[in-house]
PDB file of N, CA and C in Angstrom:
ATOM      1  N   MET A   1       1.008  -1.415   0.014  1.00  0.00           N
ATOM      2  CA  MET A   1       0.161  -0.329   0.219  1.00  0.00           C
ATOM      3  C   MET A   1       0.590   1.204   0.288  1.00  0.00           C
ATOM      4  N   PRO A   2       1.053   1.992  -1.030  1.00  0.00           N
ATOM      5  CA  PRO A   2       1.239   3.361  -0.785  1.00  0.00           C
ATOM      6  C   PRO A   2       1.300   4.197   0.039  1.00  0.00           C
ATOM      7  N   LEU A   3       2.674   5.234   0.800  1.00  0.00           N
ATOM      8  CA  LEU A   3       2.026   6.078   1.920  1.00  0.00           C
ATOM      9  C   LEU A   3       1.038   7.097   0.725  1.00  0.00           C
ATOM     10  N   GLN A   4       0.745   8.115   2.098  1.00  0.00           N
ATOM     11  CA  GLN A   4      -0.090   8.847   1.862  1.00  0.00           C
ATOM     12  C   GLN A   4       0.939  10.300   2.017  1.00  0.00           C
ATOM     13  N   PRO A   5       0.816  11.569   1.899  1.00  0.00           N
ATOM     14  CA  PRO A   5       1.623  12.892   3.061  1.00  0.00           C
ATOM     15  C   PRO A   5       0.931  12.499   4.083  1.00  0.00           C
ATOM     16  N   LEU A   6       1.537  12.149   5.366  1.00  0.00           N
ATOM     17  CA  LEU A   6       1.567  12.494   6.432  1.00  0.00           C
ATOM     18  C   LEU A   6       0.665  11.274   7.332  1.00  0.00           C
ATOM     19  N   GLU A   7       0.447  10.601   6.017  1.00  0.00           N
ATOM     20  CA  GLU A   7       0.069   8.882   7.072  1.00  0.00           C
ATOM     21  C   GLU A   7       1.054   8.042   7.286  1.00  0.00           C
ATOM     22  N   HIS A   8       2.350   7.658   6.692  1.00  0.00           N
ATOM     23  CA  HIS A   8       3.178   7.531   7.201  1.00  0.00           C
ATOM     24  C   HIS A   8       3.278   7.240   8.876  1.00  0.00           C
ATOM     25  N   VAL A   9       3.437   8.559   9.325  1.00  0.00           N
ATOM     26  CA  VAL A   9       3.351   8.725  11.201  1.00  0.00           C
ATOM     27  C   VAL A   9       2.599   7.383  11.793  1.00  0.00           C
ATOM     28  N   ASN A  10       0.894   6.966  10.678  1.00  0.00           N
ATOM     29  CA  ASN A  10       0.958   6.126  11.399  1.00  0.00           C
ATOM     30  C   ASN A  10       1.033   4.740  11.383  1.00  0.00           C
ATOM     31  N   CYS A  11       2.391   4.564  10.601  1.00  0.00           N
ATOM     32  CA  CYS A  11       3.258   3.586   9.980  1.00  0.00           C
ATOM     33  C   CYS A  11       3.699   2.482  11.106  1.00  0.00           C
ATOM     34  N   PHE A  12       3.991   3.637  11.982  1.00  0.00           N
ATOM     35  CA  PHE A  12       5.150   3.528  13.149  1.00  0.00           C
ATOM     36  C   PHE A  12       4.262   2.917  14.626  1.00  0.00           C
ATOM     37  N   THR A  13       4.674   2.014  15.012  1.00  0.00           N
ATOM     38  CA  THR A  13       4.309   1.148  16.735  1.00  0.00           C
ATOM     39  C   THR A  13       5.699   2.395  17.514  1.00  0.00           C
ATOM     40  N   VAL A  14       5.068   2.601  19.083  1.00  0.00           N
ATOM     41  CA  VAL A  14       6.261   3.133  19.949  1.00  0.00           C
ATOM     42  C   VAL A  14       7.326   1.999  19.981  1.00  0.00           C
ATOM     43  N   ALA A  15       7.122   0.763  20.300  1.00  0.00           N
ATOM     44  CA  ALA A  15       8.616   0.275  20.022  1.00  0.00           C
ATOM     45  C   ALA A  15       9.371   0.235  19.455  1.00  0.00           C
ATOM     46  N   GLY A  16       8.062  -0.177  17.820  1.00  0.00           N
ATOM     47  CA  GLY A  16       9.550   0.355  16.683  1.00  0.00           C
ATOM     48  C   GLY A  16      10.363   1.940  16.597  1.00  0.00           C
ATOM     49  N   LEU A  17       9.776   2.620  17.104  1.00  0.00           N
ATOM     50  CA  LEU A  17       9.914   4.341  17.067  1.00  0.00           C
ATOM     51  C   LEU A  17      11.402   3.962  18.173  1.00  0.00           C
ATOM     52  N   ARG A  18      11.080   3.046  19.563  1.00  0.00           N
ATOM     53  CA  ARG A  18      12.442   3.196  20.162  1.00  0.00           C
ATOM     54  C   ARG A  18      13.221   2.675  19.864  1.00  0.00           C
ATOM     55  N   ALA A  19      12.773   1.701  19.097  1.00  0.00           N
ATOM     56  CA  ALA A  19      14.280   0.405  18.615  1.00  0.00           C
ATOM     57  C   ALA A  19      15.279   1.532  17.289  1.00  0.00           C
ATOM     58  N   LEU A  20      14.094   2.196  15.975  1.00  0.00           N
ATOM     59  CA  LEU A  20      15.000   2.998  15.378  1.00  0.00           C
ATOM     60  C   LEU A  20      15.691   4.369  16.011  1.00  0.00           C
ATOM     61  N   ALA A  21      14.979   4.717  17.193  1.00  0.00           N
ATOM     62  CA  ALA A  21      15.748   5.947  17.885  1.00  0.00           C
ATOM     63  C   ALA A  21      17.304   5.564  18.587  1.00  0.00           C
ATOM     64  N   GLY A  22      16.861   4.574  19.368  1.00  0.00           N
ATOM     65  CA  GLY A  22      18.135   3.721  19.978  1.00  0.00           C
ATOM     66  C   GLY A  22      18.948   3.196  18.897  1.00  0.00           C
ATOM     67  N   LYS A  23      19.016   3.022  17.723  1.00  0.00           N
ATOM     68  CA  LYS A  23      20.103   2.764  16.739  1.00  0.00           C
ATOM     69  C   LYS A  23      20.508   3.545  15.551  1.00  0.00           C
ATOM     70  N   THR A  24      19.946   4.963  16.392  1.00  0.00           N
ATOM     71  CA  THR A  24      19.949   6.433  15.934  1.00  0.00           C
ATOM     72  C   THR A  24      20.898   7.138  16.530  1.00  0.00           C
ATOM     73  N   GLY A  25      20.892   6.424  17.897  1.00  0.00           N
ATOM     74  CA  GLY A  25      21.299   7.598  19.147  1.00  0.00           C
ATOM     75  C   GLY A  25      20.210   8.437  19.435  1.00  0.00           C
ATOM     76  N   LEU A  26      19.240   8.362  19.352  1.00  0.00           N
ATOM     77  CA  LEU A  26      18.373   9.293  20.102  1.00  0.00           C
ATOM     78  C   LEU A  26      17.865   8.568  20.877  1.00  0.00           C
ATOM     79  N   SER A  27      17.282   9.703  22.348  1.00  0.00           N
ATOM     80  CA  SER A  27      16.251   9.391  23.592  1.00  0.00           C
ATOM     81  C   SER A  27      15.090   9.999  23.761  1.00  0.00           C
ATOM     82  N   PHE A  28      14.564   9.012  24.093  1.00  0.00           N
ATOM     83  CA  PHE A  28      13.242   9.436  24.664  1.00  0.00           C
ATOM     84  C   PHE A  28      13.171  10.693  25.219  1.00  0.00           C
ATOM     85  N   THR A  29      11.540  12.128  25.235  1.00  0.00           N
ATOM     86  CA  THR A  29      12.059  12.148  26.286  1.00  0.00           C
ATOM     87  C   THR A  29      10.503  12.969  26.439  1.00  0.00           C
ATOM     88  N   ARG A  30      10.827  13.928  27.392  1.00  0.00           N
ATOM     89  CA  ARG A  30       8.970  14.477  27.678  1.00  0.00           C
ATOM     90  C   ARG A  30       9.198  15.568  28.224  1.00  0.00           C
ATOM     91  N   PRO A  31       8.638  16.304  28.051  1.00  0.00           N
ATOM     92  CA  PRO A  31       8.037  17.574  27.956  1.00  0.00           C
ATOM     93  C   PRO A  31       7.720  17.743  29.234  1.00  0.00           C
ATOM     94  N   PRO A  32       7.810  18.916  30.521  1.00  0.00           N
ATOM     95  CA  PRO A  32       7.004  19.200  31.494  1.00  0.00           C
ATOM     96  C   PRO A  32       6.444  19.303  30.701  1.00  0.00           C
ATOM     97  N   ILE A  33       4.580  18.997  31.864  1.00  0.00           N
ATOM     98  CA  ILE A  33       2.904  18.771  31.272  1.00  0.00           C
ATOM     99  C   ILE A  33       2.502  20.085  31.342  1.00  0.00           C
ATOM    100  N   LEU A  34       3.484  20.867  31.556  1.00  0.00           N
ATOM    101  CA  LEU A  34       2.537  22.628  31.957  1.00  0.00           C
ATOM    102  C   LEU A  34       3.113  22.865  30.634  1.00  0.00           C
ATOM    103  N   ARG A  35       4.141  22.458  29.387  1.00  0.00           N
ATOM    104  CA  ARG A  35       4.711  23.708  28.212  1.00  0.00           C
ATOM    105  C   ARG A  35       3.646  23.080  28.139  1.00  0.00           C
ATOM    106  N   SER A  36       3.103  22.098  28.091  1.00  0.00           N
ATOM    107  CA  SER A  36       1.951  21.295  26.725  1.00  0.00           C
ATOM    108  C   SER A  36       0.446  23.057  26.633  1.00  0.00           C
ATOM    109  N   TYR A  37       0.349  23.327  28.444  1.00  0.00           N
ATOM    110  CA  TYR A  37      -0.269  24.849  28.357  1.00  0.00           C
ATOM    111  C   TYR A  37       0.209  26.185  27.484  1.00  0.00           C
ATOM    112  N   LEU A  38       1.305  26.065  27.133  1.00  0.00           N
ATOM    113  CA  LEU A  38       1.964  27.697  26.520  1.00  0.00           C
ATOM    114  C   LEU A  38       0.909  27.901  25.452  1.00  0.00           C
ATOM    115  N   THR A  39       0.948  27.455  24.920  1.00  0.00           N
ATOM    116  CA  THR A  39      -0.067  27.788  23.388  1.00  0.00           C
ATOM    117  C   THR A  39      -1.301  27.820  23.425  1.00  0.00           C
ATOM    118  N   LEU A  40      -2.286  27.195  24.461  1.00  0.00           N
ATOM    119  CA  LEU A  40      -3.381  27.619  24.919  1.00  0.00           C
ATOM    120  C   LEU A  40      -3.729  29.223  24.377  1.00  0.00           C
ATOM    121  N   ALA A  41      -3.079  29.660  24.853  1.00  0.00           N
ATOM    122  CA  ALA A  41      -4.242  30.939  24.786  1.00  0.00           C
ATOM    123  C   ALA A  41      -3.867  31.840  23.468  1.00  0.00           C
ATOM    124  N   ARG A  42      -2.169  31.696  22.607  1.00  0.00           N
ATOM    125  CA  ARG A  42      -2.127  32.208  21.496  1.00  0.00           C
ATOM    126  C   ARG A  42      -3.574  31.277  20.250  1.00  0.00           C
ATOM    127  N   ARG A  43      -3.580  30.343  20.718  1.00  0.00           N
ATOM    128  CA  ARG A  43      -4.680  29.217  19.808  1.00  0.00           C
ATOM    129  C   ARG A  43      -5.799  30.111  20.209  1.00  0.00           C
ATOM    130  N   ARG A  44      -6.270  30.597  21.165  1.00  0.00           N
ATOM    131  CA  ARG A  44      -7.344  30.715  21.441  1.00  0.00           C
ATOM    132  C   ARG A  44      -8.120  29.593  21.862  1.00  0.00           C
ATOM    133  N   ALA A  45      -7.722  28.724  22.471  1.00  0.00           N
ATOM    134  CA  ALA A  45      -8.413  27.846  22.428  1.00  0.00           C
ATOM    135  C   ALA A  45      -9.360  27.729  24.213  1.00  0.00           C
ATOM    136  N   LEU A  46      -8.931  28.786  25.033  1.00  0.00           N
ATOM    137  CA  LEU A  46      -9.949  28.525  26.306  1.00  0.00           C
ATOM    138  C   LEU A  46     -11.042  29.635  26.284  1.00  0.00           C
ATOM    139  N   ASP A  47     -11.640  30.078  24.818  1.00  0.00           N
ATOM    140  CA  ASP A  47     -12.681  30.777  25.077  1.00  0.00           C
ATOM    141  C   ASP A  47     -13.710  30.643  25.813  1.00  0.00           C
ATOM    142  N   PRO A  48     -14.059  31.588  26.707  1.00  0.00           N
ATOM    143  CA  PRO A  48     -15.418  31.094  27.461  1.00  0.00           C
ATOM    144  C   PRO A  48     -16.058  30.979  27.525  1.00  0.00           C
ATOM    145  N   ARG A  49     -16.758  31.194  25.827  1.00  0.00           N
ATOM    146  CA  ARG A  49     -18.161  30.993  25.474  1.00  0.00           C
ATOM    147  C   ARG A  49     -18.108  29.310  25.157  1.00  0.00           C
ATOM    148  N   LEU A  50     -17.048  28.775  24.792  1.00  0.00           N
ATOM    149  CA  LEU A  50     -17.065  27.786  24.659  1.00  0.00           C
ATOM    150  C   LEU A  50     -16.723  26.192  25.987  1.00  0.00           C
ATOM    151  N   PRO A  51     -17.173  25.808  26.735  1.00  0.00           N
ATOM    152  CA  PRO A  51     -16.825  25.178  27.727  1.00  0.00           C
ATOM    153  C   PRO A  51     -16.151  24.744  27.642  1.00  0.00           C
ATOM    154  N   LYS A  52     -17.135  23.867  26.948  1.00  0.00           N
ATOM    155  CA  LYS A  52     -16.434  22.387  26.302  1.00  0.00           C
ATOM    156  C   LYS A  52     -15.415  21.984  26.000  1.00  0.00           C
ATOM    157  N   GLN A  53     -15.018  22.811  24.817  1.00  0.00           N
ATOM    158  CA  GLN A  53     -14.142  23.116  23.935  1.00  0.00           C
ATOM    159  C   GLN A  53     -12.835  23.330  25.514  1.00  0.00           C
ATOM    160  N   VAL A  54     -13.036  24.499  25.845  1.00  0.00           N
ATOM    161  CA  VAL A  54     -11.672  24.727  27.273  1.00  0.00           C
ATOM    162  C   VAL A  54     -11.492  23.480  27.831  1.00  0.00           C
ATOM    163  N   ALA A  55     -12.834  23.286  28.256  1.00  0.00           N
ATOM    164  CA  ALA A  55     -12.371  21.596  29.330  1.00  0.00           C
ATOM    165  C   ALA A  55     -11.527  20.339  28.409  1.00  0.00           C
ATOM    166  N   LYS A  56     -12.263  20.234  27.242  1.00  0.00           N
ATOM    167  CA  LYS A  56     -11.689  19.460  26.384  1.00  0.00           C
ATOM    168  C   LYS A  56      -9.754  19.576  26.262  1.00  0.00           C
ATOM    169  N   GLU A  57      -9.673  21.052  25.836  1.00  0.00           N
ATOM    170  CA  GLU A  57      -8.200  21.220  25.858  1.00  0.00           C
ATOM    171  C   GLU A  57      -7.125  21.372  27.159  1.00  0.00           C
ATOM    172  N   LEU A  58      -7.871  21.557  28.484  1.00  0.00           N
ATOM    173  CA  LEU A  58      -7.543  21.433  29.781  1.00  0.00           C
ATOM    174  C   LEU A  58      -7.060  19.522  30.174  1.00  0.00           C
ATOM    175  N   ALA A  59      -7.852  19.379  29.376  1.00  0.00           N
ATOM    176  CA  ALA A  59      -7.667  17.570  29.736  1.00  0.00           C
ATOM    177  C   ALA A  59      -7.016  16.584  29.121  1.00  0.00           C
ATOM    178  N   ARG A  60      -6.643  17.471  27.425  1.00  0.00           N
ATOM    179  CA  ARG A  60      -6.104  16.693  26.232  1.00  0.00           C
ATOM    180  C   ARG A  60      -4.216  16.611  27.215  1.00  0.00           C
ATOM    181  N   PRO A  61      -3.386  17.337  27.418  1.00  0.00           N
ATOM    182  CA  PRO A  61      -2.342  17.308  28.186  1.00  0.00           C
ATOM    183  C   PRO A  61      -1.954  15.406  29.053  1.00  0.00           C
ATOM    184  N   PHE A  62      -3.300  15.456  30.126  1.00  0.00           N
ATOM    185  CA  PHE A  62      -3.180  14.610  30.693  1.00  0.00           C
ATOM    186  C   PHE A  62      -3.620  13.193  30.411  1.00  0.00           C
ATOM    187  N   TYR A  63      -4.041  13.267  29.002  1.00  0.00           N
ATOM    188  CA  TYR A  63      -4.372  12.514  28.660  1.00  0.00           C
ATOM    189  C   TYR A  63      -3.131  11.514  27.594  1.00  0.00           C
ATOM    190  N   ARG A  64      -3.071  12.703  27.109  1.00  0.00           N
ATOM    191  CA  ARG A  64      -1.773  12.476  26.250  1.00  0.00           C
ATOM    192  C   ARG A  64      -0.559  11.566  27.124  1.00  0.00           C
ATOM    193  N   ARG A  65      -0.461  12.043  28.132  1.00  0.00           N
ATOM    194  CA  ARG A  65       0.776  11.642  28.649  1.00  0.00           C
ATOM    195  C   ARG A  65       0.172  10.174  29.925  1.00  0.00           C
ATOM    196  N   LEU A  66      -0.915  10.227  29.788  1.00  0.00           N
ATOM    197  CA  LEU A  66      -1.577   8.626  30.408  1.00  0.00           C
ATOM    198  C   LEU A  66      -2.255   7.191  29.736  1.00  0.00           C
ATOM    199  N   ASN A  67      -2.426   7.636  28.789  1.00  0.00           N
ATOM    200  CA  ASN A  67      -2.461   7.590  27.909  1.00  0.00           C
ATOM    201  C   ASN A  67      -1.716   5.679  27.113  1.00  0.00           C
ATOM    202  N   PRO A  68      -1.844   4.515  27.160  1.00  0.00           N
ATOM    203  CA  PRO A  68      -0.739   3.678  26.674  1.00  0.00           C
ATOM    204  C   PRO A  68      -0.791   3.327  25.618  1.00  0.00           C
ATOM    205  N   ARG A  69      -2.057   3.794  24.614  1.00  0.00           N
ATOM    206  CA  ARG A  69      -1.765   3.727  23.220  1.00  0.00           C
ATOM    207  C   ARG A  69      -1.225   5.115  22.780  1.00  0.00           C
ATOM    208  N   ASN A  70      -0.349   5.629  23.436  1.00  0.00           N
ATOM    209  CA  ASN A  70      -0.039   7.520  23.294  1.00  0.00           C
ATOM    210  C   ASN A  70       0.935   7.101  21.895  1.00  0.00           C
ATOM    211  N   HIS A  71       0.918   8.305  21.193  1.00  0.00           N
ATOM    212  CA  HIS A  71       1.922   8.026  19.701  1.00  0.00           C
ATOM    213  C   HIS A  71       2.684   9.312  20.027  1.00  0.00           C
ATOM    214  N   HIS A  72       2.494  10.330  20.868  1.00  0.00           N
ATOM    215  CA  HIS A  72       2.590  11.206  20.585  1.00  0.00           C
ATOM    216  C   HIS A  72       4.512  10.892  20.796  1.00  0.00           C
ATOM    217  N   VAL A  73       5.897  11.161  20.330  1.00  0.00           N
ATOM    218  CA  VAL A  73       6.924  10.796  20.768  1.00  0.00           C
ATOM    219  C   VAL A  73       7.667  11.862  20.618  1.00  0.00           C
ATOM    220  N   TRP A  74       8.089  12.296  21.280  1.00  0.00           N
ATOM    221  CA  TRP A  74       9.668  12.931  21.969  1.00  0.00           C
ATOM    222  C   TRP A  74      11.249  12.701  21.384  1.00  0.00           C
ATOM    223  N   LEU A  75      11.972  13.158  20.742  1.00  0.00           N
ATOM    224  CA  LEU A  75      13.024  12.762  20.480  1.00  0.00           C
ATOM    225  C   LEU A  75      13.953  13.712  20.829  1.00  0.00           C
ATOM    226  N   ARG A  76      15.351  13.673  21.575  1.00  0.00           N
ATOM    227  CA  ARG A  76      16.497  14.106  22.119  1.00  0.00           C
ATOM    228  C   ARG A  76      17.772  13.847  21.309  1.00  0.00           C
ATOM    229  N   LYS A  77      18.418  14.270  20.652  1.00  0.00           N
ATOM    230  CA  LYS A  77      19.791  14.380  20.123  1.00  0.00           C
ATOM    231  C   LYS A  77      20.869  14.437  21.486  1.00  0.00           C
ATOM    232  N   PRO A  78      21.755  13.586  21.195  1.00  0.00           N
ATOM    233  CA  PRO A  78      22.711  13.742  22.932  1.00  0.00           C
ATOM    234  C   PRO A  78      23.419  15.035  22.436  1.00  0.00           C
ATOM    235  N   ALA A  79      23.362  15.064  23.625  1.00  0.00           N
ATOM    236  CA  ALA A  79      24.715  16.591  24.188  1.00  0.00           C
ATOM    237  C   ALA A  79      25.435  16.295  24.002  1.00  0.00           C
TER     238      ALA A  79
END
């Protein structure tokens, strides 16, 4: 099956990304949870007229961190 733009992101498992990162010398990292909230005001995601959206935006960083099927991966080059 040919890959379409941006679909290739879904072709990897976390285990596969860990193996690939190890072979290339990269290490997994996770930014502090508070950093996830820095862009909310800039994206206007906290509009008080949309309480459902506000609750979703505030819960999303915790969901991403605690979800075992999370595929949001951050890699770091060695210093």
